[in-house]
Amino acid sequence: MDMAMVRRLVPEDGEALRMLRLEALRLHPEAFGSSHAEESARPVETFAEWTTRGYIAGGFVDGRLDAMAGLSVPGSAKQMHKGMLWGVYVRESRRGGGLAEAVMDAVLGHAGTQVEQVHLSVAATNVRAFRFYRRLGFEPYGVEPRALKVNGGYVDELLMVKVLDRRTGRPSPGGPQSSHAI
């Protein structure tokens, strides 16, 4: 049986993070705002630095980084209540085995101590990811048409949010709520 572990990534994980991120960008260019060409030109030090600027959870199986998800929090006083989930990826061979859930539990557990809600965007064509996020309590609230342009074609992104109870890191009763000044 494979030995799995989830933990926060540290600068020493920079090379493994770079390799996993580049695999994700190469295999699924429609799922990420960055490109393989852009990020493959970055040195390993850039990826190591990412681990110090935000929270990135890594899922390891038998010592190999096979899954990742990051959380960034804006520095602006008016936006510090929300985090943005980014860079979610699980190697194909590890999908469906619980590693994605474990990594997301780590990220959302951390988020529950930092922010009131977590936002994400997911390619409208990625039905599997959309269903996964729904199972985790994320609710859709909009669509960004033509959010990405990949290989001459456009990708719409579904915008989703999960409102957290800061005391538990769990969804707040009643789900997402918003108020808009008119």
C-alpha atoms as a PDB file:
ATOM      1  CA  MET A   1       0.000   0.000   0.000  1.00  0.00           C
ATOM      2  CA  ASP A   2       1.218   3.505  -0.827  1.00  0.00           C
ATOM      3  CA  MET A   3       2.151   5.823   2.033  1.00  0.00           C
ATOM      4  CA  ALA A   4       0.449   9.238   1.669  1.00  0.00           C
ATOM      5  CA  MET A   5       1.119  12.433   3.585  1.00  0.00           C
ATOM      6  CA  VAL A   6      -0.090  16.020   3.273  1.00  0.00           C
ATOM      7  CA  ARG A   7       1.907  18.964   4.566  1.00  0.00           C
ATOM      8  CA  ARG A   8       2.686  22.585   3.911  1.00  0.00           C
ATOM      9  CA  LEU A   9       5.377  23.020   1.284  1.00  0.00           C
ATOM     10  CA  VAL A  10       8.639  24.685   2.300  1.00  0.00           C
ATOM     11  CA  PRO A  11      11.457  26.218   0.210  1.00  0.00           C
ATOM     12  CA  GLU A  12      13.269  22.865   0.065  1.00  0.00           C
ATOM     13  CA  ASP A  13      10.282  21.586  -1.948  1.00  0.00           C
ATOM     14  CA  GLY A  14      10.945  24.134  -4.696  1.00  0.00           C
ATOM     15  CA  GLU A  15      12.219  21.645  -7.294  1.00  0.00           C
ATOM     16  CA  ALA A  16       9.362  19.178  -6.684  1.00  0.00           C
ATOM     17  CA  LEU A  17       6.841  22.042  -6.835  1.00  0.00           C
ATOM     18  CA  ARG A  18       8.361  23.287 -10.085  1.00  0.00           C
ATOM     19  CA  MET A  19       8.168  19.826 -11.669  1.00  0.00           C
ATOM     20  CA  LEU A  20       4.560  19.241 -10.619  1.00  0.00           C
ATOM     21  CA  ARG A  21       3.474  22.732 -11.668  1.00  0.00           C
ATOM     22  CA  LEU A  22       5.126  22.378 -15.092  1.00  0.00           C
ATOM     23  CA  GLU A  23       3.440  18.998 -15.580  1.00  0.00           C
ATOM     24  CA  ALA A  24       0.065  20.576 -14.772  1.00  0.00           C
ATOM     25  CA  LEU A  25       0.619  23.451 -17.203  1.00  0.00           C
ATOM     26  CA  ARG A  26       1.825  21.117 -19.965  1.00  0.00           C
ATOM     27  CA  LEU A  27      -0.994  18.587 -19.659  1.00  0.00           C
ATOM     28  CA  HIS A  28      -3.857  20.982 -18.853  1.00  0.00           C
ATOM     29  CA  PRO A  29      -3.129  24.436 -20.339  1.00  0.00           C
ATOM     30  CA  GLU A  30      -6.844  25.359 -20.254  1.00  0.00           C
ATOM     31  CA  ALA A  31      -6.968  24.952 -16.470  1.00  0.00           C
ATOM     32  CA  PHE A  32      -4.410  27.564 -15.448  1.00  0.00           C
ATOM     33  CA  GLY A  33      -3.889  31.267 -15.980  1.00  0.00           C
ATOM     34  CA  SER A  34      -0.167  30.838 -16.502  1.00  0.00           C
ATOM     35  CA  SER A  35       1.521  29.003 -19.357  1.00  0.00           C
ATOM     36  CA  HIS A  36       4.116  26.258 -19.488  1.00  0.00           C
ATOM     37  CA  ALA A  37       6.423  28.504 -21.548  1.00  0.00           C
ATOM     38  CA  GLU A  38       6.247  31.318 -18.970  1.00  0.00           C
ATOM     39  CA  GLU A  39       6.845  29.170 -15.936  1.00  0.00           C
ATOM     40  CA  SER A  40       9.429  26.798 -17.419  1.00  0.00           C
ATOM     41  CA  ALA A  41      11.640  29.878 -17.885  1.00  0.00           C
ATOM     42  CA  ARG A  42      11.518  30.588 -14.129  1.00  0.00           C
ATOM     43  CA  PRO A  43      14.320  29.264 -11.939  1.00  0.00           C
ATOM     44  CA  VAL A  44      13.648  26.814  -9.120  1.00  0.00           C
ATOM     45  CA  GLU A  45      14.241  29.675  -6.646  1.00  0.00           C
ATOM     46  CA  THR A  46      10.996  31.290  -7.819  1.00  0.00           C
ATOM     47  CA  PHE A  47       9.019  28.210  -6.857  1.00  0.00           C
ATOM     48  CA  ALA A  48      10.834  27.931  -3.537  1.00  0.00           C
ATOM     49  CA  GLU A  49       9.927  31.569  -2.839  1.00  0.00           C
ATOM     50  CA  TRP A  50       6.238  30.847  -3.526  1.00  0.00           C
ATOM     51  CA  THR A  51       6.224  28.570  -0.482  1.00  0.00           C
ATOM     52  CA  THR A  52       7.184  31.507   1.748  1.00  0.00           C
ATOM     53  CA  ARG A  53       4.674  34.033   0.359  1.00  0.00           C
ATOM     54  CA  GLY A  54       1.494  32.042   0.837  1.00  0.00           C
ATOM     55  CA  TYR A  55       0.174  28.687   1.863  1.00  0.00           C
ATOM     56  CA  ILE A  56       0.733  25.733  -0.452  1.00  0.00           C
ATOM     57  CA  ALA A  57      -0.287  22.248   0.644  1.00  0.00           C
ATOM     58  CA  GLY A  58       1.405  19.288  -0.960  1.00  0.00           C
ATOM     59  CA  GLY A  59       0.183  15.727  -1.159  1.00  0.00           C
ATOM     60  CA  PHE A  60       3.030  13.220  -1.105  1.00  0.00           C
ATOM     61  CA  VAL A  61       2.789   9.527  -1.929  1.00  0.00           C
ATOM     62  CA  ASP A  62       5.844   7.436  -1.130  1.00  0.00           C
ATOM     63  CA  GLY A  63       7.845  10.666  -0.786  1.00  0.00           C
ATOM     64  CA  ARG A  64       6.877  12.092  -4.209  1.00  0.00           C
ATOM     65  CA  LEU A  65       4.861  15.305  -4.557  1.00  0.00           C
ATOM     66  CA  ASP A  66       1.731  14.192  -6.432  1.00  0.00           C
ATOM     67  CA  ALA A  67      -0.789  16.923  -5.538  1.00  0.00           C
ATOM     68  CA  MET A  68      -0.839  20.598  -4.652  1.00  0.00           C
ATOM     69  CA  ALA A  69      -3.156  23.494  -3.884  1.00  0.00           C
ATOM     70  CA  GLY A  70      -2.348  27.055  -2.888  1.00  0.00           C
ATOM     71  CA  LEU A  71      -4.123  29.811  -1.012  1.00  0.00           C
ATOM     72  CA  SER A  72      -3.313  33.475  -1.441  1.00  0.00           C
ATOM     73  CA  VAL A  73      -4.754  36.315   0.613  1.00  0.00           C
ATOM     74  CA  PRO A  74      -4.807  39.897  -0.675  1.00  0.00           C
ATOM     75  CA  GLY A  75      -2.943  42.479   1.396  1.00  0.00           C
ATOM     76  CA  SER A  76      -5.617  45.143   0.949  1.00  0.00           C
ATOM     77  CA  ALA A  77      -7.596  45.863   4.142  1.00  0.00           C
ATOM     78  CA  LYS A  78     -10.870  45.692   2.222  1.00  0.00           C
ATOM     79  CA  GLN A  79     -10.053  42.287   0.697  1.00  0.00           C
ATOM     80  CA  MET A  80      -8.210  40.474   3.504  1.00  0.00           C
ATOM     81  CA  HIS A  81     -11.379  38.590   4.441  1.00  0.00           C
ATOM     82  CA  LYS A  82     -11.152  36.422   1.332  1.00  0.00           C
ATOM     83  CA  GLY A  83      -8.623  33.982   0.009  1.00  0.00           C
ATOM     84  CA  MET A  84      -8.057  32.727  -3.509  1.00  0.00           C
ATOM     85  CA  LEU A  85      -7.515  29.054  -4.181  1.00  0.00           C
ATOM     86  CA  TRP A  86      -4.973  28.559  -6.951  1.00  0.00           C
ATOM     87  CA  GLY A  87      -2.801  25.940  -8.616  1.00  0.00           C
ATOM     88  CA  VAL A  88      -4.885  22.916  -7.695  1.00  0.00           C
ATOM     89  CA  TYR A  89      -3.477  19.833  -9.391  1.00  0.00           C
ATOM     90  CA  VAL A  90      -3.319  16.094  -8.772  1.00  0.00           C
ATOM     91  CA  ARG A  91      -1.357  13.707 -10.951  1.00  0.00           C
ATOM     92  CA  GLU A  92      -3.651  11.554 -13.083  1.00  0.00           C
ATOM     93  CA  SER A  93      -2.435   8.361 -11.403  1.00  0.00           C
ATOM     94  CA  ARG A  94      -3.515   9.701  -7.986  1.00  0.00           C
ATOM     95  CA  ARG A  95      -6.976  10.996  -8.882  1.00  0.00           C
ATOM     96  CA  GLY A  96      -9.941   9.363  -7.224  1.00  0.00           C
ATOM     97  CA  GLY A  97      -7.928   7.984  -4.303  1.00  0.00           C
ATOM     98  CA  GLY A  98      -8.577  10.670  -1.702  1.00  0.00           C
ATOM     99  CA  LEU A  99      -5.357  12.667  -2.119  1.00  0.00           C
ATOM    100  CA  ALA A 100      -7.166  15.679  -3.594  1.00  0.00           C
ATOM    101  CA  GLU A 101      -9.591  15.747  -0.653  1.00  0.00           C
ATOM    102  CA  ALA A 102      -6.720  15.511   1.830  1.00  0.00           C
ATOM    103  CA  VAL A 103      -4.852  18.402   0.197  1.00  0.00           C
ATOM    104  CA  MET A 104      -8.015  20.510   0.042  1.00  0.00           C
ATOM    105  CA  ASP A 105      -8.767  19.727   3.709  1.00  0.00           C
ATOM    106  CA  ALA A 106      -5.332  21.093   4.590  1.00  0.00           C
ATOM    107  CA  VAL A 107      -5.795  24.255   2.520  1.00  0.00           C
ATOM    108  CA  LEU A 108      -9.336  24.894   3.773  1.00  0.00           C
ATOM    109  CA  GLY A 109      -8.295  24.182   7.354  1.00  0.00           C
ATOM    110  CA  HIS A 110      -5.583  26.812   7.020  1.00  0.00           C
ATOM    111  CA  ALA A 111      -8.000  29.178   5.266  1.00  0.00           C
ATOM    112  CA  GLY A 112     -10.418  28.865   8.186  1.00  0.00           C
ATOM    113  CA  THR A 113      -7.798  30.500  10.434  1.00  0.00           C
ATOM    114  CA  GLN A 114      -7.060  33.320   7.979  1.00  0.00           C
ATOM    115  CA  VAL A 115     -10.121  34.332   5.952  1.00  0.00           C
ATOM    116  CA  GLU A 116     -13.912  34.308   5.940  1.00  0.00           C
ATOM    117  CA  GLN A 117     -14.377  32.947   2.436  1.00  0.00           C
ATOM    118  CA  VAL A 118     -12.421  31.188  -0.279  1.00  0.00           C
ATOM    119  CA  HIS A 119     -12.833  31.940  -3.997  1.00  0.00           C
ATOM    120  CA  LEU A 120     -11.783  29.911  -7.001  1.00  0.00           C
ATOM    121  CA  SER A 121     -12.253  29.777 -10.732  1.00  0.00           C
ATOM    122  CA  VAL A 122     -12.503  26.586 -12.742  1.00  0.00           C
ATOM    123  CA  ALA A 123     -12.672  26.003 -16.488  1.00  0.00           C
ATOM    124  CA  ALA A 124     -16.317  25.601 -17.480  1.00  0.00           C
ATOM    125  CA  THR A 125     -15.342  22.484 -19.436  1.00  0.00           C
ATOM    126  CA  ASN A 126     -13.817  20.800 -16.367  1.00  0.00           C
ATOM    127  CA  VAL A 127     -16.943  19.062 -15.094  1.00  0.00           C
ATOM    128  CA  ARG A 128     -15.017  16.699 -12.816  1.00  0.00           C
ATOM    129  CA  ALA A 129     -13.333  19.589 -10.974  1.00  0.00           C
ATOM    130  CA  PHE A 130     -16.600  21.534 -10.756  1.00  0.00           C
ATOM    131  CA  ARG A 131     -18.329  18.555  -9.135  1.00  0.00           C
ATOM    132  CA  PHE A 132     -15.385  18.074  -6.768  1.00  0.00           C
ATOM    133  CA  TYR A 133     -15.565  21.695  -5.613  1.00  0.00           C
ATOM    134  CA  ARG A 134     -19.336  21.432  -5.165  1.00  0.00           C
ATOM    135  CA  ARG A 135     -18.821  18.387  -2.916  1.00  0.00           C
ATOM    136  CA  LEU A 136     -16.438  20.498  -0.838  1.00  0.00           C
ATOM    137  CA  GLY A 137     -19.109  23.162  -0.340  1.00  0.00           C
ATOM    138  CA  PHE A 138     -18.177  25.696  -3.006  1.00  0.00           C
ATOM    139  CA  GLU A 139     -21.111  27.424  -4.679  1.00  0.00           C
ATOM    140  CA  PRO A 140     -21.057  28.970  -8.169  1.00  0.00           C
ATOM    141  CA  TYR A 141     -21.770  32.691  -8.340  1.00  0.00           C
ATOM    142  CA  GLY A 142     -20.861  33.671 -11.865  1.00  0.00           C
ATOM    143  CA  VAL A 143     -19.084  33.031 -15.134  1.00  0.00           C
ATOM    144  CA  GLU A 144     -16.194  34.939 -16.621  1.00  0.00           C
ATOM    145  CA  PRO A 145     -16.620  34.541 -20.369  1.00  0.00           C
ATOM    146  CA  ARG A 146     -13.442  34.110 -22.390  1.00  0.00           C
ATOM    147  CA  ALA A 147     -11.340  34.255 -19.214  1.00  0.00           C
ATOM    148  CA  LEU A 148      -8.382  32.554 -20.874  1.00  0.00           C
ATOM    149  CA  LYS A 149      -7.170  32.330 -24.437  1.00  0.00           C
ATOM    150  CA  VAL A 150      -5.425  29.021 -25.040  1.00  0.00           C
ATOM    151  CA  ASN A 151      -4.106  27.919 -28.427  1.00  0.00           C
ATOM    152  CA  GLY A 152      -6.374  30.383 -30.228  1.00  0.00           C
ATOM    153  CA  GLY A 153      -9.539  29.280 -28.410  1.00  0.00           C
ATOM    154  CA  TYR A 154     -11.318  30.761 -25.416  1.00  0.00           C
ATOM    155  CA  VAL A 155     -12.038  29.180 -22.052  1.00  0.00           C
ATOM    156  CA  ASP A 156     -14.890  30.402 -19.864  1.00  0.00           C
ATOM    157  CA  GLU A 157     -14.306  30.143 -16.124  1.00  0.00           C
ATOM    158  CA  LEU A 158     -16.914  29.381 -13.488  1.00  0.00           C
ATOM    159  CA  LEU A 159     -16.460  31.506 -10.370  1.00  0.00           C
ATOM    160  CA  MET A 160     -17.122  29.756  -7.071  1.00  0.00           C
ATOM    161  CA  VAL A 161     -17.017  30.690  -3.376  1.00  0.00           C
ATOM    162  CA  LYS A 162     -17.106  28.898  -0.054  1.00  0.00           C
ATOM    163  CA  VAL A 163     -18.059  31.030   2.945  1.00  0.00           C
ATOM    164  CA  LEU A 164     -16.319  29.771   6.089  1.00  0.00           C
ATOM    165  CA  ASP A 165     -17.138  29.925   9.758  1.00  0.00           C
ATOM    166  CA  ARG A 166     -13.827  31.311  11.090  1.00  0.00           C
ATOM    167  CA  ARG A 167     -14.207  29.320  14.306  1.00  0.00           C
ATOM    168  CA  THR A 168     -14.473  25.942  12.586  1.00  0.00           C
ATOM    169  CA  GLY A 169     -13.226  26.424   9.013  1.00  0.00           C
ATOM    170  CA  ARG A 170     -16.492  24.866   7.892  1.00  0.00           C
ATOM    171  CA  PRO A 171     -19.127  26.385   5.625  1.00  0.00           C
ATOM    172  CA  SER A 172     -21.303  28.959   7.340  1.00  0.00           C
ATOM    173  CA  PRO A 173     -24.974  28.058   7.799  1.00  0.00           C
ATOM    174  CA  GLY A 174     -27.006  29.208   4.829  1.00  0.00           C
ATOM    175  CA  GLY A 175     -24.105  29.073   2.387  1.00  0.00           C
ATOM    176  CA  PRO A 176     -22.764  32.045   0.480  1.00  0.00           C
ATOM    177  CA  GLN A 177     -24.375  35.376   1.051  1.00  0.00           C
ATOM    178  CA  SER A 178     -23.636  38.701  -0.493  1.00  0.00           C
ATOM    179  CA  SER A 179     -24.682  42.262  -0.060  1.00  0.00           C
ATOM    180  CA  HIS A 180     -24.560  44.810  -2.811  1.00  0.00           C
ATOM    181  CA  ALA A 181     -24.966  48.527  -2.416  1.00  0.00           C
ATOM    182  CA  ILE A 182     -27.381  49.968  -4.929  1.00  0.00           C
END
